[in-house]
């Protein structure tokens, strides 16, 4: 139980989506909040590009995403995608920006799949496989 509690608290979520000149910043922010409602969101500019960036801590911030994976019945597919992008101390996933704006979840490739570009979700943790297991588990917890 202590390990689960530590894992629950020692998670950082970073969300980033490029803000294209034709996009409304409020809509991109909504797409991010549809994934992680508690994210602190801001606009940043780097090297002439604008990004909508969100940050949150703890697995609690990912409960909404977990519920969406369950509702869409894509937990097994989500597990495969997340394991593909798992690194020693993080998991990086890419989500379709337009689908996220509409309130759902659809995984994307990092480049070329979506004309507006994906939303990049980075989950930093000491045990990424446990986080993936928690997000995609079929238990009700």
N, C-alpha and C. Protein backbone atom coordinates (compact mmCIF):
# COMPACT_ATOMS: atom_id res chain seq x y z
N UNK A 1 0.82 -1.20 0.00
CA UNK A 1 0.00 0.00 0.00
C UNK A 1 0.86 1.26 0.00
N UNK A 2 1.96 1.23 0.78
CA UNK A 2 2.85 2.39 0.83
C UNK A 2 3.46 2.66 -0.54
N UNK A 3 3.83 1.60 -1.26
CA UNK A 3 4.42 1.77 -2.59
C UNK A 3 3.41 2.43 -3.52
N UNK A 4 2.15 1.99 -3.47
CA UNK A 4 1.12 2.59 -4.31
C UNK A 4 0.92 4.06 -3.96
N UNK A 5 0.92 4.37 -2.67
CA UNK A 5 0.76 5.76 -2.25
C UNK A 5 1.92 6.61 -2.72
N UNK A 6 3.14 6.11 -2.60
CA UNK A 6 4.31 6.86 -3.09
C UNK A 6 4.22 7.06 -4.59
N UNK A 7 3.85 6.00 -5.32
CA UNK A 7 3.71 6.12 -6.76
C UNK A 7 2.63 7.15 -7.09
N UNK A 8 1.57 7.13 -6.31
CA UNK A 8 0.44 8.03 -6.53
C UNK A 8 0.87 9.49 -6.44
N UNK A 9 1.77 9.78 -5.51
CA UNK A 9 2.18 11.17 -5.30
C UNK A 9 3.37 11.59 -6.15
N UNK A 10 4.26 10.66 -6.50
CA UNK A 10 5.49 11.01 -7.20
C UNK A 10 5.33 10.92 -8.72
N UNK A 11 4.35 11.62 -9.24
CA UNK A 11 4.09 11.64 -10.66
C UNK A 11 3.95 13.10 -11.10
N UNK A 12 4.63 13.44 -12.19
CA UNK A 12 4.50 14.78 -12.77
C UNK A 12 3.99 14.63 -14.19
N UNK A 13 3.00 15.42 -14.53
CA UNK A 13 2.42 15.37 -15.86
C UNK A 13 2.71 16.69 -16.56
N UNK A 14 3.27 16.59 -17.76
CA UNK A 14 3.53 17.76 -18.59
C UNK A 14 2.81 17.55 -19.92
N UNK A 15 2.02 18.54 -20.29
CA UNK A 15 1.23 18.45 -21.51
C UNK A 15 1.63 19.64 -22.39
N UNK A 16 1.80 19.39 -23.69
CA UNK A 16 2.27 20.44 -24.57
C UNK A 16 1.65 20.27 -25.95
N UNK A 17 1.11 21.37 -26.47
CA UNK A 17 0.54 21.36 -27.81
C UNK A 17 0.94 22.64 -28.52
N UNK A 18 1.40 22.50 -29.73
CA UNK A 18 1.74 23.70 -30.50
C UNK A 18 0.46 24.48 -30.81
N UNK A 19 0.55 25.79 -30.67
CA UNK A 19 -0.58 26.67 -30.99
C UNK A 19 -0.32 27.23 -32.38
N UNK A 20 -1.02 26.69 -33.35
CA UNK A 20 -0.86 27.14 -34.73
C UNK A 20 -1.51 28.51 -34.92
N UNK A 21 -1.02 29.30 -35.88
CA UNK A 21 -1.58 30.65 -36.08
C UNK A 21 -3.09 30.66 -36.35
N UNK A 22 -3.62 29.59 -36.90
CA UNK A 22 -5.06 29.54 -37.22
C UNK A 22 -5.91 29.03 -36.06
N UNK A 23 -5.26 28.65 -34.95
CA UNK A 23 -6.01 28.07 -33.83
C UNK A 23 -6.34 29.09 -32.76
N UNK A 24 -7.43 28.84 -32.09
CA UNK A 24 -7.86 29.63 -30.95
C UNK A 24 -7.21 29.03 -29.69
N UNK A 25 -6.48 29.84 -28.96
CA UNK A 25 -5.77 29.36 -27.76
C UNK A 25 -6.74 28.75 -26.75
N UNK A 26 -7.93 29.31 -26.62
CA UNK A 26 -8.92 28.79 -25.67
C UNK A 26 -9.36 27.37 -26.05
N UNK A 27 -9.43 27.09 -27.35
CA UNK A 27 -9.83 25.75 -27.79
C UNK A 27 -8.72 24.73 -27.52
N UNK A 28 -7.47 25.13 -27.72
CA UNK A 28 -6.36 24.23 -27.43
C UNK A 28 -6.28 23.99 -25.92
N UNK A 29 -6.50 25.04 -25.14
CA UNK A 29 -6.53 24.88 -23.68
C UNK A 29 -7.65 23.92 -23.28
N UNK A 30 -8.81 24.04 -23.90
CA UNK A 30 -9.93 23.13 -23.60
C UNK A 30 -9.55 21.69 -23.93
N UNK A 31 -8.86 21.48 -25.05
CA UNK A 31 -8.43 20.13 -25.43
C UNK A 31 -7.53 19.54 -24.35
N UNK A 32 -6.61 20.36 -23.81
CA UNK A 32 -5.71 19.90 -22.75
C UNK A 32 -6.50 19.62 -21.47
N UNK A 33 -7.41 20.50 -21.12
CA UNK A 33 -8.21 20.29 -19.90
C UNK A 33 -9.16 19.10 -20.03
N UNK A 34 -9.52 18.74 -21.25
CA UNK A 34 -10.34 17.55 -21.44
C UNK A 34 -9.56 16.27 -21.16
N UNK A 35 -8.23 16.37 -21.16
CA UNK A 35 -7.37 15.24 -20.82
C UNK A 35 -7.05 15.26 -19.34
N UNK A 36 -6.57 16.42 -18.86
CA UNK A 36 -6.19 16.59 -17.45
C UNK A 36 -6.86 17.87 -16.93
N UNK A 37 -8.08 17.75 -16.41
CA UNK A 37 -8.84 18.93 -15.99
C UNK A 37 -8.13 19.82 -14.96
N UNK A 38 -7.31 19.24 -14.11
CA UNK A 38 -6.65 20.02 -13.06
C UNK A 38 -5.34 20.67 -13.49
N UNK A 39 -4.97 20.52 -14.75
CA UNK A 39 -3.69 21.07 -15.22
C UNK A 39 -3.65 22.59 -15.10
N UNK A 40 -2.50 23.09 -14.68
CA UNK A 40 -2.23 24.53 -14.73
C UNK A 40 -1.75 24.83 -16.14
N UNK A 41 -2.50 25.65 -16.86
CA UNK A 41 -2.24 25.86 -18.28
C UNK A 41 -1.77 27.29 -18.52
N UNK A 42 -0.80 27.40 -19.43
CA UNK A 42 -0.30 28.72 -19.83
C UNK A 42 0.20 28.64 -21.27
N UNK A 43 0.42 29.80 -21.86
CA UNK A 43 0.97 29.87 -23.22
C UNK A 43 2.43 30.29 -23.11
N UNK A 44 3.29 29.58 -23.81
CA UNK A 44 4.71 29.92 -23.83
C UNK A 44 5.15 30.10 -25.28
N UNK A 45 6.17 30.91 -25.47
CA UNK A 45 6.73 31.11 -26.79
C UNK A 45 8.19 30.69 -26.78
N UNK A 46 8.55 29.85 -27.75
CA UNK A 46 9.92 29.36 -27.86
C UNK A 46 10.32 29.36 -29.32
N UNK A 47 11.42 30.00 -29.62
CA UNK A 47 11.99 30.01 -30.97
C UNK A 47 10.95 30.38 -32.03
N UNK A 48 10.10 31.35 -31.72
CA UNK A 48 9.11 31.83 -32.68
C UNK A 48 7.84 31.00 -32.76
N UNK A 49 7.73 29.96 -31.97
CA UNK A 49 6.53 29.12 -31.94
C UNK A 49 5.81 29.33 -30.61
N UNK A 50 4.48 29.23 -30.65
CA UNK A 50 3.69 29.31 -29.42
C UNK A 50 3.18 27.92 -29.07
N UNK A 51 3.17 27.65 -27.76
CA UNK A 51 2.70 26.37 -27.25
C UNK A 51 1.74 26.61 -26.10
N UNK A 52 0.74 25.75 -26.00
CA UNK A 52 -0.10 25.72 -24.82
C UNK A 52 0.46 24.58 -23.97
N UNK A 53 0.84 24.93 -22.74
CA UNK A 53 1.52 23.98 -21.87
C UNK A 53 0.70 23.81 -20.59
N UNK A 54 0.56 22.57 -20.17
CA UNK A 54 -0.14 22.27 -18.93
C UNK A 54 0.73 21.42 -18.04
N UNK A 55 0.56 21.58 -16.72
CA UNK A 55 1.32 20.79 -15.75
C UNK A 55 0.40 20.38 -14.61
N UNK A 56 0.67 19.18 -14.08
CA UNK A 56 -0.09 18.68 -12.93
C UNK A 56 0.79 17.67 -12.20
N UNK A 57 0.39 17.32 -10.99
CA UNK A 57 1.11 16.33 -10.20
C UNK A 57 0.13 15.28 -9.70
N UNK A 58 0.65 14.09 -9.49
CA UNK A 58 -0.02 12.93 -8.89
C UNK A 58 -0.91 12.19 -9.89
N UNK A 59 -1.10 10.93 -9.61
CA UNK A 59 -1.98 10.12 -10.46
C UNK A 59 -3.41 10.63 -10.43
N UNK A 60 -3.79 11.28 -9.35
CA UNK A 60 -5.15 11.83 -9.25
C UNK A 60 -5.47 12.71 -10.47
N UNK A 61 -4.47 13.43 -10.96
CA UNK A 61 -4.67 14.28 -12.12
C UNK A 61 -4.98 13.47 -13.38
N UNK A 62 -4.62 12.19 -13.38
CA UNK A 62 -4.85 11.34 -14.55
C UNK A 62 -6.12 10.49 -14.45
N UNK A 63 -6.88 10.65 -13.37
CA UNK A 63 -8.09 9.84 -13.19
C UNK A 63 -9.10 10.07 -14.31
N UNK A 64 -9.18 11.30 -14.80
CA UNK A 64 -10.10 11.62 -15.90
C UNK A 64 -9.69 10.85 -17.17
N UNK A 65 -8.39 10.84 -17.45
CA UNK A 65 -7.89 10.10 -18.61
C UNK A 65 -8.18 8.61 -18.44
N UNK A 66 -7.95 8.10 -17.26
CA UNK A 66 -8.21 6.68 -16.98
C UNK A 66 -9.68 6.35 -17.25
N UNK A 67 -10.58 7.21 -16.80
CA UNK A 67 -12.02 6.99 -17.02
C UNK A 67 -12.36 7.02 -18.51
N UNK A 68 -11.72 7.90 -19.26
CA UNK A 68 -11.98 7.97 -20.71
C UNK A 68 -11.49 6.71 -21.42
N UNK A 69 -10.33 6.20 -21.00
CA UNK A 69 -9.83 4.95 -21.59
C UNK A 69 -10.80 3.81 -21.31
N UNK A 70 -11.34 3.79 -20.10
CA UNK A 70 -12.31 2.75 -19.73
C UNK A 70 -13.60 2.91 -20.54
N UNK A 71 -14.11 4.13 -20.63
CA UNK A 71 -15.37 4.38 -21.33
C UNK A 71 -15.27 4.03 -22.81
N UNK A 72 -14.14 4.31 -23.41
CA UNK A 72 -13.95 4.01 -24.84
C UNK A 72 -13.57 2.56 -25.08
N UNK A 73 -13.30 1.84 -23.99
CA UNK A 73 -12.92 0.43 -24.07
C UNK A 73 -11.66 0.24 -24.91
N UNK A 74 -10.68 1.11 -24.65
CA UNK A 74 -9.42 1.03 -25.40
C UNK A 74 -8.23 0.83 -24.46
N UNK A 75 -8.49 0.26 -23.29
CA UNK A 75 -7.40 0.09 -22.32
C UNK A 75 -6.29 -0.82 -22.85
N UNK A 76 -6.65 -1.91 -23.51
CA UNK A 76 -5.61 -2.81 -24.03
C UNK A 76 -4.77 -2.11 -25.11
N UNK A 77 -5.43 -1.41 -26.01
CA UNK A 77 -4.70 -0.68 -27.05
C UNK A 77 -3.86 0.44 -26.43
N UNK A 78 -4.40 1.10 -25.42
CA UNK A 78 -3.66 2.17 -24.74
C UNK A 78 -2.40 1.61 -24.09
N UNK A 79 -2.52 0.44 -23.48
CA UNK A 79 -1.36 -0.20 -22.85
C UNK A 79 -0.25 -0.43 -23.89
N UNK A 80 -0.61 -0.94 -25.05
CA UNK A 80 0.37 -1.21 -26.11
C UNK A 80 1.07 0.09 -26.53
N UNK A 81 0.29 1.13 -26.74
CA UNK A 81 0.86 2.42 -27.16
C UNK A 81 1.77 2.98 -26.07
N UNK A 82 1.33 2.94 -24.84
CA UNK A 82 2.13 3.50 -23.74
C UNK A 82 3.42 2.72 -23.53
N UNK A 83 3.35 1.41 -23.62
CA UNK A 83 4.57 0.60 -23.47
C UNK A 83 5.55 0.89 -24.61
N UNK A 84 5.02 1.18 -25.79
CA UNK A 84 5.88 1.51 -26.94
C UNK A 84 6.71 2.76 -26.66
N UNK A 85 6.11 3.75 -26.00
CA UNK A 85 6.77 5.03 -25.76
C UNK A 85 7.35 5.14 -24.35
N UNK A 86 7.36 4.04 -23.60
CA UNK A 86 7.89 4.07 -22.23
C UNK A 86 9.41 4.20 -22.24
N UNK A 87 9.91 5.03 -21.34
CA UNK A 87 11.34 5.21 -21.11
C UNK A 87 11.61 4.88 -19.65
N UNK A 88 12.88 4.85 -19.22
CA UNK A 88 13.17 4.46 -17.83
C UNK A 88 12.42 5.26 -16.76
N UNK A 89 12.24 6.57 -16.96
CA UNK A 89 11.58 7.38 -15.93
C UNK A 89 10.39 8.18 -16.44
N UNK A 90 9.84 7.74 -17.57
CA UNK A 90 8.67 8.47 -18.08
C UNK A 90 7.98 7.69 -19.18
N UNK A 91 6.76 8.13 -19.42
CA UNK A 91 5.97 7.64 -20.55
C UNK A 91 5.57 8.87 -21.34
N UNK A 92 5.75 8.83 -22.64
CA UNK A 92 5.32 9.92 -23.50
C UNK A 92 4.27 9.37 -24.45
N UNK A 93 3.13 10.05 -24.50
CA UNK A 93 2.09 9.65 -25.45
C UNK A 93 1.66 10.88 -26.24
N UNK A 94 1.11 10.63 -27.39
CA UNK A 94 0.64 11.70 -28.25
C UNK A 94 -0.84 11.47 -28.52
N UNK A 95 -1.62 12.53 -28.35
CA UNK A 95 -3.07 12.45 -28.53
C UNK A 95 -3.52 13.40 -29.62
N UNK A 96 -4.56 13.01 -30.32
CA UNK A 96 -5.11 13.86 -31.37
C UNK A 96 -5.78 15.08 -30.74
N UNK A 97 -5.35 16.25 -31.17
CA UNK A 97 -5.82 17.51 -30.60
C UNK A 97 -7.32 17.73 -30.84
N UNK A 98 -7.78 17.45 -32.05
CA UNK A 98 -9.18 17.68 -32.38
C UNK A 98 -10.10 16.74 -31.60
N UNK A 99 -9.70 15.49 -31.47
CA UNK A 99 -10.50 14.52 -30.73
C UNK A 99 -10.53 14.90 -29.24
N UNK A 100 -9.39 15.37 -28.72
CA UNK A 100 -9.34 15.81 -27.32
C UNK A 100 -10.24 17.01 -27.10
N UNK A 101 -10.27 17.93 -28.03
CA UNK A 101 -11.16 19.09 -27.92
C UNK A 101 -12.62 18.63 -27.84
N UNK A 102 -12.95 17.58 -28.58
CA UNK A 102 -14.32 17.06 -28.59
C UNK A 102 -14.65 16.26 -27.33
N UNK A 103 -13.64 16.05 -26.46
CA UNK A 103 -13.90 15.38 -25.19
C UNK A 103 -13.59 13.90 -25.17
N UNK A 104 -12.88 13.41 -26.17
CA UNK A 104 -12.55 12.00 -26.20
C UNK A 104 -11.03 11.82 -26.27
N UNK A 105 -10.60 10.58 -26.42
CA UNK A 105 -9.17 10.30 -26.50
C UNK A 105 -8.90 9.44 -27.72
N UNK A 106 -7.90 9.85 -28.50
CA UNK A 106 -7.43 9.07 -29.62
C UNK A 106 -5.93 9.25 -29.70
N UNK A 107 -5.21 8.15 -29.70
CA UNK A 107 -3.76 8.23 -29.76
C UNK A 107 -3.31 8.64 -31.16
N UNK A 108 -2.15 9.24 -31.22
CA UNK A 108 -1.62 9.77 -32.46
C UNK A 108 -0.13 9.47 -32.52
N UNK A 109 0.40 9.57 -33.70
CA UNK A 109 1.86 9.51 -33.86
C UNK A 109 2.41 10.90 -33.56
N UNK A 110 3.70 10.99 -33.23
CA UNK A 110 4.26 12.31 -32.89
C UNK A 110 4.28 13.30 -34.06
N UNK A 111 4.36 12.81 -35.28
CA UNK A 111 4.45 13.72 -36.44
C UNK A 111 3.61 13.19 -37.59
N UNK A 112 3.05 14.14 -38.33
CA UNK A 112 2.45 13.82 -39.61
C UNK A 112 1.05 13.25 -39.62
N UNK A 113 0.55 12.76 -38.52
CA UNK A 113 -0.76 12.11 -38.53
C UNK A 113 -1.90 13.11 -38.45
N UNK A 114 -1.71 14.19 -37.70
CA UNK A 114 -2.77 15.18 -37.52
C UNK A 114 -2.32 16.51 -38.11
N UNK A 115 -3.14 17.15 -38.91
CA UNK A 115 -2.72 18.41 -39.53
C UNK A 115 -2.43 19.53 -38.51
N UNK A 116 -3.07 19.47 -37.36
CA UNK A 116 -2.82 20.50 -36.34
C UNK A 116 -1.72 20.10 -35.37
N UNK A 117 -1.21 18.91 -35.53
CA UNK A 117 -0.20 18.42 -34.61
C UNK A 117 -0.84 17.79 -33.39
N UNK A 118 -0.12 16.91 -32.71
CA UNK A 118 -0.69 16.22 -31.55
C UNK A 118 -0.51 17.00 -30.26
N UNK A 119 -1.17 16.51 -29.24
CA UNK A 119 -0.90 16.94 -27.87
C UNK A 119 0.07 15.93 -27.30
N UNK A 120 1.18 16.42 -26.77
CA UNK A 120 2.21 15.55 -26.18
C UNK A 120 1.98 15.49 -24.68
N UNK A 121 1.79 14.30 -24.16
CA UNK A 121 1.58 14.09 -22.72
C UNK A 121 2.77 13.30 -22.20
N UNK A 122 3.49 13.90 -21.25
CA UNK A 122 4.64 13.25 -20.65
C UNK A 122 4.34 13.00 -19.18
N UNK A 123 4.46 11.75 -18.78
CA UNK A 123 4.20 11.35 -17.40
C UNK A 123 5.54 10.92 -16.80
N UNK A 124 6.07 11.74 -15.91
CA UNK A 124 7.35 11.44 -15.27
C UNK A 124 7.09 10.70 -13.96
N UNK A 125 7.79 9.58 -13.79
CA UNK A 125 7.63 8.76 -12.59
C UNK A 125 8.81 7.81 -12.48
N UNK A 126 9.08 7.35 -11.28
CA UNK A 126 10.15 6.38 -11.08
C UNK A 126 9.76 5.00 -11.60
N UNK A 127 8.47 4.75 -11.73
CA UNK A 127 7.99 3.43 -12.14
C UNK A 127 6.93 3.57 -13.23
N UNK A 128 7.35 3.87 -14.46
CA UNK A 128 6.36 4.11 -15.52
C UNK A 128 5.47 2.91 -15.81
N UNK A 129 5.98 1.70 -15.67
CA UNK A 129 5.16 0.53 -15.96
C UNK A 129 3.99 0.42 -14.98
N UNK A 130 4.23 0.76 -13.71
CA UNK A 130 3.13 0.74 -12.73
C UNK A 130 2.07 1.78 -13.06
N UNK A 131 2.49 2.94 -13.54
CA UNK A 131 1.53 3.98 -13.93
C UNK A 131 0.72 3.50 -15.13
N UNK A 132 1.38 2.88 -16.10
CA UNK A 132 0.66 2.33 -17.26
C UNK A 132 -0.34 1.27 -16.80
N UNK A 133 0.11 0.39 -15.90
CA UNK A 133 -0.79 -0.64 -15.37
C UNK A 133 -2.00 -0.02 -14.69
N UNK A 134 -1.77 1.02 -13.90
CA UNK A 134 -2.87 1.70 -13.20
C UNK A 134 -3.84 2.35 -14.20
N UNK A 135 -3.29 3.05 -15.20
CA UNK A 135 -4.14 3.73 -16.19
C UNK A 135 -4.98 2.76 -17.00
N UNK A 136 -4.43 1.59 -17.27
CA UNK A 136 -5.11 0.67 -18.19
C UNK A 136 -5.70 -0.56 -17.49
N UNK A 137 -5.67 -0.57 -16.14
CA UNK A 137 -6.21 -1.73 -15.44
C UNK A 137 -7.73 -1.80 -15.60
N UNK A 138 -8.22 -3.01 -15.51
CA UNK A 138 -9.67 -3.22 -15.64
C UNK A 138 -10.35 -3.31 -14.30
N UNK A 139 -9.59 -3.03 -13.24
CA UNK A 139 -10.17 -2.98 -11.90
C UNK A 139 -10.84 -1.63 -11.72
N UNK A 140 -11.73 -1.53 -10.78
CA UNK A 140 -12.51 -0.30 -10.58
C UNK A 140 -11.77 0.76 -9.77
N UNK A 141 -10.55 0.49 -9.30
CA UNK A 141 -9.82 1.48 -8.49
C UNK A 141 -9.27 2.58 -9.30
